[in-house]
PDB file of N, CA and C in Angstrom:
ATOM      1  N   MET A   1     -16.200   7.389  -2.566  1.00  0.00           N
ATOM      2  CA  MET A   1     -14.913   6.195  -2.432  1.00  0.00           C
ATOM      3  C   MET A   1     -15.437   5.050  -3.382  1.00  0.00           C
ATOM      4  N   SER A   2     -14.171   4.838  -4.086  1.00  0.00           N
ATOM      5  CA  SER A   2     -14.427   3.922  -5.231  1.00  0.00           C
ATOM      6  C   SER A   2     -14.035   1.904  -4.118  1.00  0.00           C
ATOM      7  N   ALA A   3     -14.330   1.178  -5.191  1.00  0.00           N
ATOM      8  CA  ALA A   3     -14.252   0.132  -4.970  1.00  0.00           C
ATOM      9  C   ALA A   3     -12.833  -0.815  -3.800  1.00  0.00           C
ATOM     10  N   ILE A   4     -12.945  -1.204  -3.221  1.00  0.00           N
ATOM     11  CA  ILE A   4     -12.134  -1.823  -2.747  1.00  0.00           C
ATOM     12  C   ILE A   4     -11.084  -2.878  -4.010  1.00  0.00           C
ATOM     13  N   LYS A   5     -10.832  -2.989  -4.842  1.00  0.00           N
ATOM     14  CA  LYS A   5      -9.877  -3.351  -5.461  1.00  0.00           C
ATOM     15  C   LYS A   5      -8.228  -4.698  -4.979  1.00  0.00           C
ATOM     16  N   ILE A   6      -7.842  -5.999  -5.631  1.00  0.00           N
ATOM     17  CA  ILE A   6      -7.382  -6.519  -5.046  1.00  0.00           C
ATOM     18  C   ILE A   6      -5.823  -5.787  -5.662  1.00  0.00           C
ATOM     19  N   LEU A   7      -4.627  -6.150  -4.734  1.00  0.00           N
ATOM     20  CA  LEU A   7      -3.355  -5.308  -5.047  1.00  0.00           C
ATOM     21  C   LEU A   7      -2.338  -6.048  -6.577  1.00  0.00           C
ATOM     22  N   ALA A   8      -2.213  -6.392  -7.113  1.00  0.00           N
ATOM     23  CA  ALA A   8      -1.461  -6.600  -7.919  1.00  0.00           C
ATOM     24  C   ALA A   8      -0.027  -6.336  -7.864  1.00  0.00           C
ATOM     25  N   ARG A   9       1.154  -4.894  -7.382  1.00  0.00           N
ATOM     26  CA  ARG A   9       1.969  -5.164  -7.382  1.00  0.00           C
ATOM     27  C   ARG A   9       2.013  -3.125  -6.476  1.00  0.00           C
ATOM     28  N   VAL A  10       3.428  -3.118  -6.895  1.00  0.00           N
ATOM     29  CA  VAL A  10       4.040  -1.954  -6.081  1.00  0.00           C
ATOM     30  C   VAL A  10       5.326  -1.724  -6.898  1.00  0.00           C
ATOM     31  N   LEU A  11       5.394  -0.931  -7.167  1.00  0.00           N
ATOM     32  CA  LEU A  11       6.671  -0.286  -7.192  1.00  0.00           C
ATOM     33  C   LEU A  11       7.094   0.998  -7.106  1.00  0.00           C
ATOM     34  N   ALA A  12       8.219   0.725  -6.828  1.00  0.00           N
ATOM     35  CA  ALA A  12       8.743   2.763  -5.949  1.00  0.00           C
ATOM     36  C   ALA A  12       9.935   3.075  -6.103  1.00  0.00           C
ATOM     37  N   MET A  13       9.828   4.355  -6.687  1.00  0.00           N
ATOM     38  CA  MET A  13      11.615   4.881  -7.688  1.00  0.00           C
ATOM     39  C   MET A  13      11.294   6.261  -6.981  1.00  0.00           C
ATOM     40  N   ARG A  14      12.696   6.588  -6.879  1.00  0.00           N
ATOM     41  CA  ARG A  14      12.561   7.785  -6.543  1.00  0.00           C
ATOM     42  C   ARG A  14      12.980   8.903  -7.265  1.00  0.00           C
ATOM     43  N   VAL A  15      11.976   9.877  -7.153  1.00  0.00           N
ATOM     44  CA  VAL A  15      12.250  11.097  -7.503  1.00  0.00           C
ATOM     45  C   VAL A  15      12.076  12.622  -8.027  1.00  0.00           C
ATOM     46  N   GLY A  16      13.466  12.814  -7.535  1.00  0.00           N
ATOM     47  CA  GLY A  16      13.674  13.517  -6.750  1.00  0.00           C
ATOM     48  C   GLY A  16      13.773  14.103  -5.845  1.00  0.00           C
ATOM     49  N   PRO A  17      13.167  14.924  -4.470  1.00  0.00           N
ATOM     50  CA  PRO A  17      13.584  14.660  -3.677  1.00  0.00           C
ATOM     51  C   PRO A  17      12.517  13.576  -2.874  1.00  0.00           C
ATOM     52  N   HIS A  18      11.709  13.491  -3.688  1.00  0.00           N
ATOM     53  CA  HIS A  18      10.401  12.327  -3.089  1.00  0.00           C
ATOM     54  C   HIS A  18      10.200  10.765  -3.669  1.00  0.00           C
ATOM     55  N   ILE A  19       9.706  10.238  -3.280  1.00  0.00           N
ATOM     56  CA  ILE A  19       9.519   8.526  -4.028  1.00  0.00           C
ATOM     57  C   ILE A  19       7.898   8.611  -4.496  1.00  0.00           C
ATOM     58  N   GLU A  20       8.417   8.132  -5.405  1.00  0.00           N
ATOM     59  CA  GLU A  20       6.827   7.734  -6.470  1.00  0.00           C
ATOM     60  C   GLU A  20       6.718   6.519  -6.038  1.00  0.00           C
ATOM     61  N   LEU A  21       5.571   6.006  -5.738  1.00  0.00           N
ATOM     62  CA  LEU A  21       4.644   4.652  -5.367  1.00  0.00           C
ATOM     63  C   LEU A  21       3.629   4.619  -6.508  1.00  0.00           C
ATOM     64  N   ALA A  22       4.196   3.234  -7.120  1.00  0.00           N
ATOM     65  CA  ALA A  22       2.636   3.299  -7.791  1.00  0.00           C
ATOM     66  C   ALA A  22       2.528   1.340  -7.743  1.00  0.00           C
ATOM     67  N   VAL A  23       0.621   1.931  -7.805  1.00  0.00           N
ATOM     68  CA  VAL A  23       0.286   0.226  -6.967  1.00  0.00           C
ATOM     69  C   VAL A  23      -1.177   0.267  -7.783  1.00  0.00           C
ATOM     70  N   GLU A  24      -0.844  -1.092  -8.757  1.00  0.00           N
ATOM     71  CA  GLU A  24      -1.308  -1.536  -9.565  1.00  0.00           C
ATOM     72  C   GLU A  24      -2.724  -2.779  -9.302  1.00  0.00           C
ATOM     73  N   SER A  25      -3.684  -2.568  -9.613  1.00  0.00           N
ATOM     74  CA  SER A  25      -4.736  -3.576  -9.345  1.00  0.00           C
ATOM     75  C   SER A  25      -4.419  -4.591 -10.082  1.00  0.00           C
ATOM     76  N   GLU A  26      -4.825  -5.825  -9.628  1.00  0.00           N
ATOM     77  CA  GLU A  26      -5.517  -7.136 -10.630  1.00  0.00           C
ATOM     78  C   GLU A  26      -6.082  -6.387 -12.318  1.00  0.00           C
ATOM     79  N   THR A  27      -6.779  -5.520 -12.130  1.00  0.00           N
ATOM     80  CA  THR A  27      -7.593  -5.287 -12.852  1.00  0.00           C
ATOM     81  C   THR A  27      -6.932  -4.414 -13.756  1.00  0.00           C
ATOM     82  N   GLY A  28      -5.541  -3.923 -13.824  1.00  0.00           N
ATOM     83  CA  GLY A  28      -4.499  -2.946 -14.142  1.00  0.00           C
ATOM     84  C   GLY A  28      -4.639  -1.699 -13.954  1.00  0.00           C
ATOM     85  N   GLU A  29      -5.445  -1.001 -13.048  1.00  0.00           N
ATOM     86  CA  GLU A  29      -5.750   0.424 -12.971  1.00  0.00           C
ATOM     87  C   GLU A  29      -4.204   0.540 -11.767  1.00  0.00           C
ATOM     88  N   VAL A  30      -3.838   2.031 -12.569  1.00  0.00           N
ATOM     89  CA  VAL A  30      -2.937   1.603 -11.145  1.00  0.00           C
ATOM     90  C   VAL A  30      -2.545   3.515 -10.841  1.00  0.00           C
ATOM     91  N   LEU A  31      -2.415   4.200  -9.489  1.00  0.00           N
ATOM     92  CA  LEU A  31      -2.521   5.096  -8.514  1.00  0.00           C
ATOM     93  C   LEU A  31      -1.118   4.964  -8.216  1.00  0.00           C
ATOM     94  N   LYS A  32      -0.543   6.535  -9.126  1.00  0.00           N
ATOM     95  CA  LYS A  32       0.603   7.002  -8.576  1.00  0.00           C
ATOM     96  C   LYS A  32       0.433   8.189  -7.232  1.00  0.00           C
ATOM     97  N   VAL A  33       1.252   8.165  -6.632  1.00  0.00           N
ATOM     98  CA  VAL A  33       0.924   8.875  -5.694  1.00  0.00           C
ATOM     99  C   VAL A  33       2.950   9.496  -5.510  1.00  0.00           C
ATOM    100  N   LEU A  34       3.792  10.611  -4.751  1.00  0.00           N
ATOM    101  CA  LEU A  34       4.828  11.565  -4.252  1.00  0.00           C
ATOM    102  C   LEU A  34       4.773  10.952  -2.876  1.00  0.00           C
ATOM    103  N   ALA A  35       5.597  10.956  -2.118  1.00  0.00           N
ATOM    104  CA  ALA A  35       5.833  11.104  -1.012  1.00  0.00           C
ATOM    105  C   ALA A  35       7.226  10.715  -0.355  1.00  0.00           C
ATOM    106  N   THR A  36       7.223  11.448   0.630  1.00  0.00           N
ATOM    107  CA  THR A  36       9.093  11.913   1.371  1.00  0.00           C
ATOM    108  C   THR A  36       9.544  10.701   2.191  1.00  0.00           C
ATOM    109  N   GLU A  37      10.339  10.943   2.304  1.00  0.00           N
ATOM    110  CA  GLU A  37      11.074   9.477   2.431  1.00  0.00           C
ATOM    111  C   GLU A  37      10.038   9.014   4.154  1.00  0.00           C
ATOM    112  N   ASP A  38       9.645  10.273   5.378  1.00  0.00           N
ATOM    113  CA  ASP A  38       9.564  10.421   6.137  1.00  0.00           C
ATOM    114  C   ASP A  38       8.104   9.534   5.881  1.00  0.00           C
ATOM    115  N   GLN A  39       7.081   9.834   4.809  1.00  0.00           N
ATOM    116  CA  GLN A  39       5.582   8.809   4.691  1.00  0.00           C
ATOM    117  C   GLN A  39       6.669   7.379   4.048  1.00  0.00           C
ATOM    118  N   VAL A  40       7.494   7.084   3.624  1.00  0.00           N
ATOM    119  CA  VAL A  40       7.877   5.838   3.081  1.00  0.00           C
ATOM    120  C   VAL A  40       8.719   5.394   4.567  1.00  0.00           C
ATOM    121  N   ASP A  41       8.930   5.734   5.415  1.00  0.00           N
ATOM    122  CA  ASP A  41       9.517   5.372   6.746  1.00  0.00           C
ATOM    123  C   ASP A  41       7.937   4.755   7.759  1.00  0.00           C
ATOM    124  N   ARG A  42       6.964   6.063   7.744  1.00  0.00           N
ATOM    125  CA  ARG A  42       6.098   5.855   8.246  1.00  0.00           C
ATOM    126  C   ARG A  42       4.954   4.611   7.845  1.00  0.00           C
ATOM    127  N   LEU A  43       5.121   3.997   6.268  1.00  0.00           N
ATOM    128  CA  LEU A  43       4.504   3.044   5.731  1.00  0.00           C
ATOM    129  C   LEU A  43       4.842   2.095   6.058  1.00  0.00           C
ATOM    130  N   ILE A  44       5.970   1.825   5.784  1.00  0.00           N
ATOM    131  CA  ILE A  44       6.832   0.720   6.535  1.00  0.00           C
ATOM    132  C   ILE A  44       6.731   0.261   7.669  1.00  0.00           C
ATOM    133  N   ASP A  45       6.654   1.109   8.807  1.00  0.00           N
ATOM    134  CA  ASP A  45       6.450   0.892  10.391  1.00  0.00           C
ATOM    135  C   ASP A  45       5.346   0.640  10.291  1.00  0.00           C
ATOM    136  N   GLU A  46       3.983   0.968   9.804  1.00  0.00           N
ATOM    137  CA  GLU A  46       2.341   0.165   9.821  1.00  0.00           C
ATOM    138  C   GLU A  46       2.675  -1.324   9.172  1.00  0.00           C
ATOM    139  N   LEU A  47       3.716  -1.262   8.500  1.00  0.00           N
ATOM    140  CA  LEU A  47       3.509  -2.474   7.818  1.00  0.00           C
ATOM    141  C   LEU A  47       4.305  -3.545   8.329  1.00  0.00           C
ATOM    142  N   GLU A  48       5.236  -3.398   8.722  1.00  0.00           N
ATOM    143  CA  GLU A  48       6.381  -4.270   9.825  1.00  0.00           C
ATOM    144  C   GLU A  48       4.761  -4.317  10.933  1.00  0.00           C
ATOM    145  N   ASP A  49       4.086  -3.454  11.493  1.00  0.00           N
ATOM    146  CA  ASP A  49       3.544  -4.061  12.221  1.00  0.00           C
ATOM    147  C   ASP A  49       2.250  -4.793  12.066  1.00  0.00           C
ATOM    148  N   LEU A  50       1.634  -4.716  10.839  1.00  0.00           N
ATOM    149  CA  LEU A  50       0.760  -5.635  10.910  1.00  0.00           C
ATOM    150  C   LEU A  50       1.074  -7.180  10.638  1.00  0.00           C
ATOM    151  N   LEU A  51       2.635  -7.009   9.937  1.00  0.00           N
ATOM    152  CA  LEU A  51       3.300  -7.733   9.537  1.00  0.00           C
ATOM    153  C   LEU A  51       3.716  -9.321  10.789  1.00  0.00           C
ATOM    154  N   ASN A  52       3.686  -8.161  11.591  1.00  0.00           N
ATOM    155  CA  ASN A  52       3.923  -8.985  13.258  1.00  0.00           C
ATOM    156  C   ASN A  52       3.147  -8.556  14.284  1.00  0.00           C
ATOM    157  N   SER A  53       1.801  -8.561  13.915  1.00  0.00           N
ATOM    158  CA  SER A  53       0.680  -9.097  15.148  1.00  0.00           C
ATOM    159  C   SER A  53       0.357 -10.050  14.736  1.00  0.00           C
ATOM    160  N   PRO A  54      -1.001 -10.556  15.304  1.00  0.00           N
ATOM    161  CA  PRO A  54      -1.388 -11.641  15.648  1.00  0.00           C
ATOM    162  C   PRO A  54      -2.219 -11.521  13.897  1.00  0.00           C
ATOM    163  N   ALA A  55      -2.186 -12.866  13.606  1.00  0.00           N
ATOM    164  CA  ALA A  55      -3.531 -13.088  11.834  1.00  0.00           C
ATOM    165  C   ALA A  55      -4.631 -12.448  13.150  1.00  0.00           C
ATOM    166  N   GLY A  56      -5.909 -12.207  12.255  1.00  0.00           N
ATOM    167  CA  GLY A  56      -6.541 -11.478  12.718  1.00  0.00           C
ATOM    168  C   GLY A  56      -7.713 -12.929  11.952  1.00  0.00           C
ATOM    169  N   PRO A  57      -9.106 -12.933  12.143  1.00  0.00           N
ATOM    170  CA  PRO A  57     -10.261 -14.056  11.538  1.00  0.00           C
ATOM    171  C   PRO A  57      -9.957 -14.166  10.336  1.00  0.00           C
ATOM    172  N   ASP A  58     -10.599 -15.636  10.799  1.00  0.00           N
ATOM    173  CA  ASP A  58      -9.942 -16.013   9.086  1.00  0.00           C
ATOM    174  C   ASP A  58     -10.943 -15.455   7.604  1.00  0.00           C
ATOM    175  N   ASN A  59     -10.814 -14.742   6.954  1.00  0.00           N
ATOM    176  CA  ASN A  59     -11.466 -14.908   5.942  1.00  0.00           C
ATOM    177  C   ASN A  59     -11.182 -14.091   4.983  1.00  0.00           C
ATOM    178  N   ASP A  60     -11.436 -14.496   3.262  1.00  0.00           N
ATOM    179  CA  ASP A  60     -11.081 -14.650   2.149  1.00  0.00           C
ATOM    180  C   ASP A  60     -11.338 -12.504   1.358  1.00  0.00           C
ATOM    181  N   GLU A  61     -11.937 -11.831   3.068  1.00  0.00           N
ATOM    182  CA  GLU A  61     -12.424 -10.560   2.115  1.00  0.00           C
ATOM    183  C   GLU A  61     -11.311  -9.411   2.921  1.00  0.00           C
ATOM    184  N   PRO A  62     -10.552  -8.580   1.932  1.00  0.00           N
ATOM    185  CA  PRO A  62      -9.538  -7.336   2.368  1.00  0.00           C
ATOM    186  C   PRO A  62     -11.137  -6.554   4.008  1.00  0.00           C
ATOM    187  N   PRO A  63      -9.910  -5.671   4.454  1.00  0.00           N
ATOM    188  CA  PRO A  63     -10.134  -4.959   5.766  1.00  0.00           C
ATOM    189  C   PRO A  63     -11.005  -3.638   5.204  1.00  0.00           C
ATOM    190  N   GLU A  64     -11.566  -3.143   5.814  1.00  0.00           N
ATOM    191  CA  GLU A  64     -12.747  -2.158   5.526  1.00  0.00           C
ATOM    192  C   GLU A  64     -11.996  -1.003   5.232  1.00  0.00           C
ATOM    193  N   ALA A  65     -12.053  -0.119   4.391  1.00  0.00           N
ATOM    194  CA  ALA A  65     -10.619   1.040   4.252  1.00  0.00           C
ATOM    195  C   ALA A  65     -11.292   2.093   5.422  1.00  0.00           C
ATOM    196  N   ALA A  66     -10.276   2.281   5.283  1.00  0.00           N
ATOM    197  CA  ALA A  66     -10.307   3.656   7.188  1.00  0.00           C
ATOM    198  C   ALA A  66     -10.960   4.746   6.640  1.00  0.00           C
TER     199      ALA A  66
END
């Protein structure tokens, strides 16, 4: 597995029946994936849960990758 990178931006666009997600790191590396609408809905739910949960310990390190 590669090292964790700092997120710079995320772009999304519809490509036929799918949604293309482009995730760019601060170093300019880009990962593109195709997702279904259901997968994007589940991703949104996960992010909303994280944003609405109590903050974790105060540290500047990104979380361990799953």
